[in-house]
PDB file of N, CA and C in Angstrom:
ATOM      1  N   MET A   1      75.193 -26.720 -64.358  1.00  0.00           N
ATOM      2  CA  MET A   1      75.957 -27.941 -64.453  1.00  0.00           C
ATOM      3  C   MET A   1      74.974 -29.113 -64.577  1.00  0.00           C
ATOM      4  N   PRO A   2      75.196 -30.026 -65.526  1.00  0.00           N
ATOM      5  CA  PRO A   2      74.269 -31.144 -65.707  1.00  0.00           C
ATOM      6  C   PRO A   2      74.328 -32.129 -64.544  1.00  0.00           C
ATOM      7  N   GLN A   3      73.184 -32.690 -64.241  1.00  0.00           N
ATOM      8  CA  GLN A   3      73.098 -33.702 -63.202  1.00  0.00           C
ATOM      9  C   GLN A   3      73.305 -35.076 -63.832  1.00  0.00           C
ATOM     10  N   HIS A   4      74.039 -35.916 -63.151  1.00  0.00           N
ATOM     11  CA  HIS A   4      74.280 -37.262 -63.654  1.00  0.00           C
ATOM     12  C   HIS A   4      73.265 -38.217 -63.038  1.00  0.00           C
ATOM     13  N   ALA A   5      72.669 -39.038 -63.878  1.00  0.00           N
ATOM     14  CA  ALA A   5      71.707 -40.032 -63.406  1.00  0.00           C
ATOM     15  C   ALA A   5      72.460 -41.202 -62.783  1.00  0.00           C
ATOM     16  N   GLN A   6      71.818 -41.827 -61.805  1.00  0.00           N
ATOM     17  CA  GLN A   6      72.417 -43.004 -61.194  1.00  0.00           C
ATOM     18  C   GLN A   6      72.406 -44.156 -62.189  1.00  0.00           C
ATOM     19  N   ILE A   7      73.442 -44.951 -62.140  1.00  0.00           N
ATOM     20  CA  ILE A   7      73.520 -46.104 -63.031  1.00  0.00           C
ATOM     21  C   ILE A   7      72.754 -47.252 -62.386  1.00  0.00           C
ATOM     22  N   THR A   8      71.704 -47.708 -63.066  1.00  0.00           N
ATOM     23  CA  THR A   8      70.945 -48.851 -62.578  1.00  0.00           C
ATOM     24  C   THR A   8      71.238 -50.037 -63.488  1.00  0.00           C
ATOM     25  N   ARG A   9      71.331 -51.183 -62.900  1.00  0.00           N
ATOM     26  CA  ARG A   9      71.590 -52.383 -63.677  1.00  0.00           C
ATOM     27  C   ARG A   9      70.275 -52.908 -64.225  1.00  0.00           C
ATOM     28  N   VAL A  10      70.099 -52.800 -65.524  1.00  0.00           N
ATOM     29  CA  VAL A  10      68.880 -53.256 -66.175  1.00  0.00           C
ATOM     30  C   VAL A  10      69.039 -54.735 -66.488  1.00  0.00           C
ATOM     31  N   CYS A  11      67.967 -55.472 -66.278  1.00  0.00           N
ATOM     32  CA  CYS A  11      67.969 -56.916 -66.542  1.00  0.00           C
ATOM     33  C   CYS A  11      68.271 -57.161 -68.024  1.00  0.00           C
ATOM     34  N   ARG A  12      69.235 -58.029 -68.299  1.00  0.00           N
ATOM     35  CA  ARG A  12      69.614 -58.282 -69.692  1.00  0.00           C
ATOM     36  C   ARG A  12      68.598 -59.149 -70.427  1.00  0.00           C
ATOM     37  N   ASP A  13      67.759 -59.867 -69.691  1.00  0.00           N
ATOM     38  CA  ASP A  13      66.775 -60.736 -70.335  1.00  0.00           C
ATOM     39  C   ASP A  13      65.535 -59.976 -70.808  1.00  0.00           C
ATOM     40  N   CYS A  14      65.111 -58.953 -70.046  1.00  0.00           N
ATOM     41  CA  CYS A  14      63.881 -58.249 -70.419  1.00  0.00           C
ATOM     42  C   CYS A  14      64.121 -56.775 -70.755  1.00  0.00           C
ATOM     43  N   ASP A  15      65.350 -56.294 -70.673  1.00  0.00           N
ATOM     44  CA  ASP A  15      65.712 -54.901 -70.976  1.00  0.00           C
ATOM     45  C   ASP A  15      64.929 -53.892 -70.157  1.00  0.00           C
ATOM     46  N   GLY A  16      64.534 -54.238 -68.944  1.00  0.00           N
ATOM     47  CA  GLY A  16      63.831 -53.311 -68.068  1.00  0.00           C
ATOM     48  C   GLY A  16      62.319 -53.375 -68.170  1.00  0.00           C
ATOM     49  N   PHE A  17      61.796 -54.071 -69.167  1.00  0.00           N
ATOM     50  CA  PHE A  17      60.351 -54.246 -69.308  1.00  0.00           C
ATOM     51  C   PHE A  17      59.990 -55.587 -68.689  1.00  0.00           C
ATOM     52  N   ALA A  18      59.852 -55.600 -67.368  1.00  0.00           N
ATOM     53  CA  ALA A  18      59.758 -56.851 -66.633  1.00  0.00           C
ATOM     54  C   ALA A  18      58.385 -57.506 -66.680  1.00  0.00           C
ATOM     55  N   THR A  19      57.344 -56.752 -66.939  1.00  0.00           N
ATOM     56  CA  THR A  19      55.996 -57.310 -66.971  1.00  0.00           C
ATOM     57  C   THR A  19      55.349 -56.995 -68.315  1.00  0.00           C
ATOM     58  N   ALA A  20      54.721 -57.996 -68.901  1.00  0.00           N
ATOM     59  CA  ALA A  20      54.038 -57.819 -70.176  1.00  0.00           C
ATOM     60  C   ALA A  20      52.603 -58.303 -70.048  1.00  0.00           C
ATOM     61  N   ALA A  21      51.684 -57.589 -70.675  1.00  0.00           N
ATOM     62  CA  ALA A  21      50.280 -58.008 -70.728  1.00  0.00           C
ATOM     63  C   ALA A  21      50.009 -58.522 -72.137  1.00  0.00           C
ATOM     64  N   ILE A  22      49.612 -59.776 -72.231  1.00  0.00           N
ATOM     65  CA  ILE A  22      49.371 -60.413 -73.519  1.00  0.00           C
ATOM     66  C   ILE A  22      47.879 -60.629 -73.687  1.00  0.00           C
ATOM     67  N   THR A  23      47.336 -60.116 -74.783  1.00  0.00           N
ATOM     68  CA  THR A  23      45.918 -60.292 -75.080  1.00  0.00           C
ATOM     69  C   THR A  23      45.738 -61.583 -75.858  1.00  0.00           C
ATOM     70  N   THR A  24      44.811 -62.439 -75.412  1.00  0.00           N
ATOM     71  CA  THR A  24      44.623 -63.735 -76.048  1.00  0.00           C
ATOM     72  C   THR A  24      43.674 -63.689 -77.240  1.00  0.00           C
ATOM     73  N   GLY A  25      42.873 -62.668 -77.353  1.00  0.00           N
ATOM     74  CA  GLY A  25      41.933 -62.572 -78.465  1.00  0.00           C
ATOM     75  C   GLY A  25      40.525 -62.980 -78.069  1.00  0.00           C
ATOM     76  N   THR A  26      40.367 -63.728 -76.997  1.00  0.00           N
ATOM     77  CA  THR A  26      39.026 -64.088 -76.544  1.00  0.00           C
ATOM     78  C   THR A  26      38.502 -63.005 -75.609  1.00  0.00           C
ATOM     79  N   ARG A  27      37.206 -63.038 -75.355  1.00  0.00           N
ATOM     80  CA  ARG A  27      36.576 -62.022 -74.528  1.00  0.00           C
ATOM     81  C   ARG A  27      35.810 -62.646 -73.363  1.00  0.00           C
ATOM     82  N   HIS A  28      35.706 -61.875 -72.279  1.00  0.00           N
ATOM     83  CA  HIS A  28      34.867 -62.262 -71.159  1.00  0.00           C
ATOM     84  C   HIS A  28      33.412 -61.989 -71.515  1.00  0.00           C
ATOM     85  N   ARG A  29      32.493 -62.411 -70.670  1.00  0.00           N
ATOM     86  CA  ARG A  29      31.061 -62.185 -70.936  1.00  0.00           C
ATOM     87  C   ARG A  29      30.693 -60.708 -70.963  1.00  0.00           C
ATOM     88  N   ASP A  30      31.449 -59.882 -70.212  1.00  0.00           N
ATOM     89  CA  ASP A  30      31.140 -58.454 -70.197  1.00  0.00           C
ATOM     90  C   ASP A  30      31.766 -57.693 -71.367  1.00  0.00           C
ATOM     91  N   GLY A  31      32.511 -58.378 -72.228  1.00  0.00           N
ATOM     92  CA  GLY A  31      33.074 -57.760 -73.417  1.00  0.00           C
ATOM     93  C   GLY A  31      34.545 -57.384 -73.299  1.00  0.00           C
ATOM     94  N   THR A  32      35.117 -57.472 -72.116  1.00  0.00           N
ATOM     95  CA  THR A  32      36.529 -57.146 -71.977  1.00  0.00           C
ATOM     96  C   THR A  32      37.386 -58.305 -72.478  1.00  0.00           C
ATOM     97  N   ARG A  33      38.578 -57.987 -72.922  1.00  0.00           N
ATOM     98  CA  ARG A  33      39.467 -59.017 -73.465  1.00  0.00           C
ATOM     99  C   ARG A  33      40.195 -59.774 -72.351  1.00  0.00           C
ATOM    100  N   VAL A  34      40.462 -61.041 -72.607  1.00  0.00           N
ATOM    101  CA  VAL A  34      41.216 -61.873 -71.681  1.00  0.00           C
ATOM    102  C   VAL A  34      42.700 -61.546 -71.870  1.00  0.00           C
ATOM    103  N   THR A  35      43.378 -61.165 -70.789  1.00  0.00           N
ATOM    104  CA  THR A  35      44.801 -60.867 -70.866  1.00  0.00           C
ATOM    105  C   THR A  35      45.569 -61.727 -69.873  1.00  0.00           C
ATOM    106  N   LEU A  36      46.791 -62.055 -70.234  1.00  0.00           N
ATOM    107  CA  LEU A  36      47.691 -62.797 -69.373  1.00  0.00           C
ATOM    108  C   LEU A  36      48.800 -61.847 -68.939  1.00  0.00           C
ATOM    109  N   ARG A  37      49.155 -61.888 -67.680  1.00  0.00           N
ATOM    110  CA  ARG A  37      50.235 -61.051 -67.165  1.00  0.00           C
ATOM    111  C   ARG A  37      51.452 -61.945 -66.944  1.00  0.00           C
ATOM    112  N   VAL A  38      52.549 -61.619 -67.617  1.00  0.00           N
ATOM    113  CA  VAL A  38      53.748 -62.438 -67.579  1.00  0.00           C
ATOM    114  C   VAL A  38      54.897 -61.599 -67.030  1.00  0.00           C
ATOM    115  N   THR A  39      55.629 -62.138 -66.062  1.00  0.00           N
ATOM    116  CA  THR A  39      56.791 -61.443 -65.511  1.00  0.00           C
ATOM    117  C   THR A  39      58.072 -62.155 -65.913  1.00  0.00           C
ATOM    118  N   CYS A  40      59.148 -61.412 -65.957  1.00  0.00           N
ATOM    119  CA  CYS A  40      60.455 -61.949 -66.339  1.00  0.00           C
ATOM    120  C   CYS A  40      60.948 -62.898 -65.237  1.00  0.00           C
ATOM    121  N   PRO A  41      61.298 -64.132 -65.580  1.00  0.00           N
ATOM    122  CA  PRO A  41      61.769 -65.066 -64.552  1.00  0.00           C
ATOM    123  C   PRO A  41      63.170 -64.741 -64.043  1.00  0.00           C
ATOM    124  N   ALA A  42      63.973 -64.025 -64.814  1.00  0.00           N
ATOM    125  CA  ALA A  42      65.342 -63.729 -64.392  1.00  0.00           C
ATOM    126  C   ALA A  42      65.375 -62.688 -63.275  1.00  0.00           C
ATOM    127  N   CYS A  43      64.577 -61.616 -63.412  1.00  0.00           N
ATOM    128  CA  CYS A  43      64.598 -60.544 -62.402  1.00  0.00           C
ATOM    129  C   CYS A  43      63.367 -60.577 -61.507  1.00  0.00           C
ATOM    130  N   LYS A  44      62.477 -61.522 -61.747  1.00  0.00           N
ATOM    131  CA  LYS A  44      61.244 -61.693 -60.966  1.00  0.00           C
ATOM    132  C   LYS A  44      60.357 -60.449 -60.975  1.00  0.00           C
ATOM    133  N   GLY A  45      60.311 -59.758 -62.121  1.00  0.00           N
ATOM    134  CA  GLY A  45      59.399 -58.632 -62.292  1.00  0.00           C
ATOM    135  C   GLY A  45      59.912 -57.291 -61.810  1.00  0.00           C
ATOM    136  N   THR A  46      61.166 -57.185 -61.410  1.00  0.00           N
ATOM    137  CA  THR A  46      61.682 -55.902 -60.940  1.00  0.00           C
ATOM    138  C   THR A  46      62.266 -55.064 -62.063  1.00  0.00           C
ATOM    139  N   GLY A  47      62.798 -55.696 -63.112  1.00  0.00           N
ATOM    140  CA  GLY A  47      63.407 -54.968 -64.209  1.00  0.00           C
ATOM    141  C   GLY A  47      64.870 -54.642 -63.987  1.00  0.00           C
ATOM    142  N   ARG A  48      65.389 -54.998 -62.842  1.00  0.00           N
ATOM    143  CA  ARG A  48      66.785 -54.712 -62.507  1.00  0.00           C
ATOM    144  C   ARG A  48      67.466 -55.986 -62.025  1.00  0.00           C
ATOM    145  N   THR A  49      68.752 -56.044 -62.246  1.00  0.00           N
ATOM    146  CA  THR A  49      69.514 -57.172 -61.735  1.00  0.00           C
ATOM    147  C   THR A  49      70.173 -56.769 -60.433  1.00  0.00           C
ATOM    148  N   THR A  50      70.430 -57.730 -59.595  1.00  0.00           N
ATOM    149  CA  THR A  50      71.102 -57.450 -58.330  1.00  0.00           C
ATOM    150  C   THR A  50      72.575 -57.767 -58.489  1.00  0.00           C
ATOM    151  N   PRO A  51      73.446 -57.005 -57.834  1.00  0.00           N
ATOM    152  CA  PRO A  51      74.873 -57.331 -57.889  1.00  0.00           C
ATOM    153  C   PRO A  51      75.135 -58.733 -57.348  1.00  0.00           C
ATOM    154  N   ALA A  52      76.202 -59.359 -57.803  1.00  0.00           N
ATOM    155  CA  ALA A  52      76.487 -60.756 -57.453  1.00  0.00           C
ATOM    156  C   ALA A  52      76.665 -60.966 -55.956  1.00  0.00           C
ATOM    157  N   GLY A  53      77.155 -59.985 -55.229  1.00  0.00           N
ATOM    158  CA  GLY A  53      77.377 -60.136 -53.802  1.00  0.00           C
ATOM    159  C   GLY A  53      76.129 -59.990 -52.966  1.00  0.00           C
ATOM    160  N   VAL A  54      75.032 -59.480 -53.556  1.00  0.00           N
ATOM    161  CA  VAL A  54      73.817 -59.202 -52.811  1.00  0.00           C
ATOM    162  C   VAL A  54      72.795 -60.330 -52.929  1.00  0.00           C
ATOM    163  N   VAL A  55      72.993 -61.227 -53.862  1.00  0.00           N
ATOM    164  CA  VAL A  55      72.030 -62.294 -54.107  1.00  0.00           C
ATOM    165  C   VAL A  55      71.951 -63.200 -52.890  1.00  0.00           C
ATOM    166  N   ARG A  56      70.723 -63.460 -52.438  1.00  0.00           N
ATOM    167  CA  ARG A  56      70.516 -64.331 -51.280  1.00  0.00           C
ATOM    168  C   ARG A  56      70.347 -65.762 -51.756  1.00  0.00           C
ATOM    169  N   ALA A  57      71.033 -66.646 -51.115  1.00  0.00           N
ATOM    170  CA  ALA A  57      70.928 -68.068 -51.432  1.00  0.00           C
ATOM    171  C   ALA A  57      70.043 -68.744 -50.397  1.00  0.00           C
ATOM    172  N   GLY A  58      69.075 -69.495 -50.868  1.00  0.00           N
ATOM    173  CA  GLY A  58      68.184 -70.202 -49.959  1.00  0.00           C
ATOM    174  C   GLY A  58      68.836 -71.471 -49.426  1.00  0.00           C
ATOM    175  N   ARG A  59      68.216 -72.001 -48.401  1.00  0.00           N
ATOM    176  CA  ARG A  59      68.763 -73.210 -47.804  1.00  0.00           C
ATOM    177  C   ARG A  59      68.044 -74.420 -48.267  1.00  0.00           C
TER     178      ARG A  59
END
């Protein structure tokens, strides 16, 4: 009998790819490339959305 996977809510803004490494084209002195690490602002790098009732509101 097939097993059913759990349904996870994937972030609609990043489609689950929450972190991206962007190469700038310049190099460090040791020869490695300069990269920028960017996270999705909507899910804060988790790749998943939280249900509406679970979201914590700050004061």
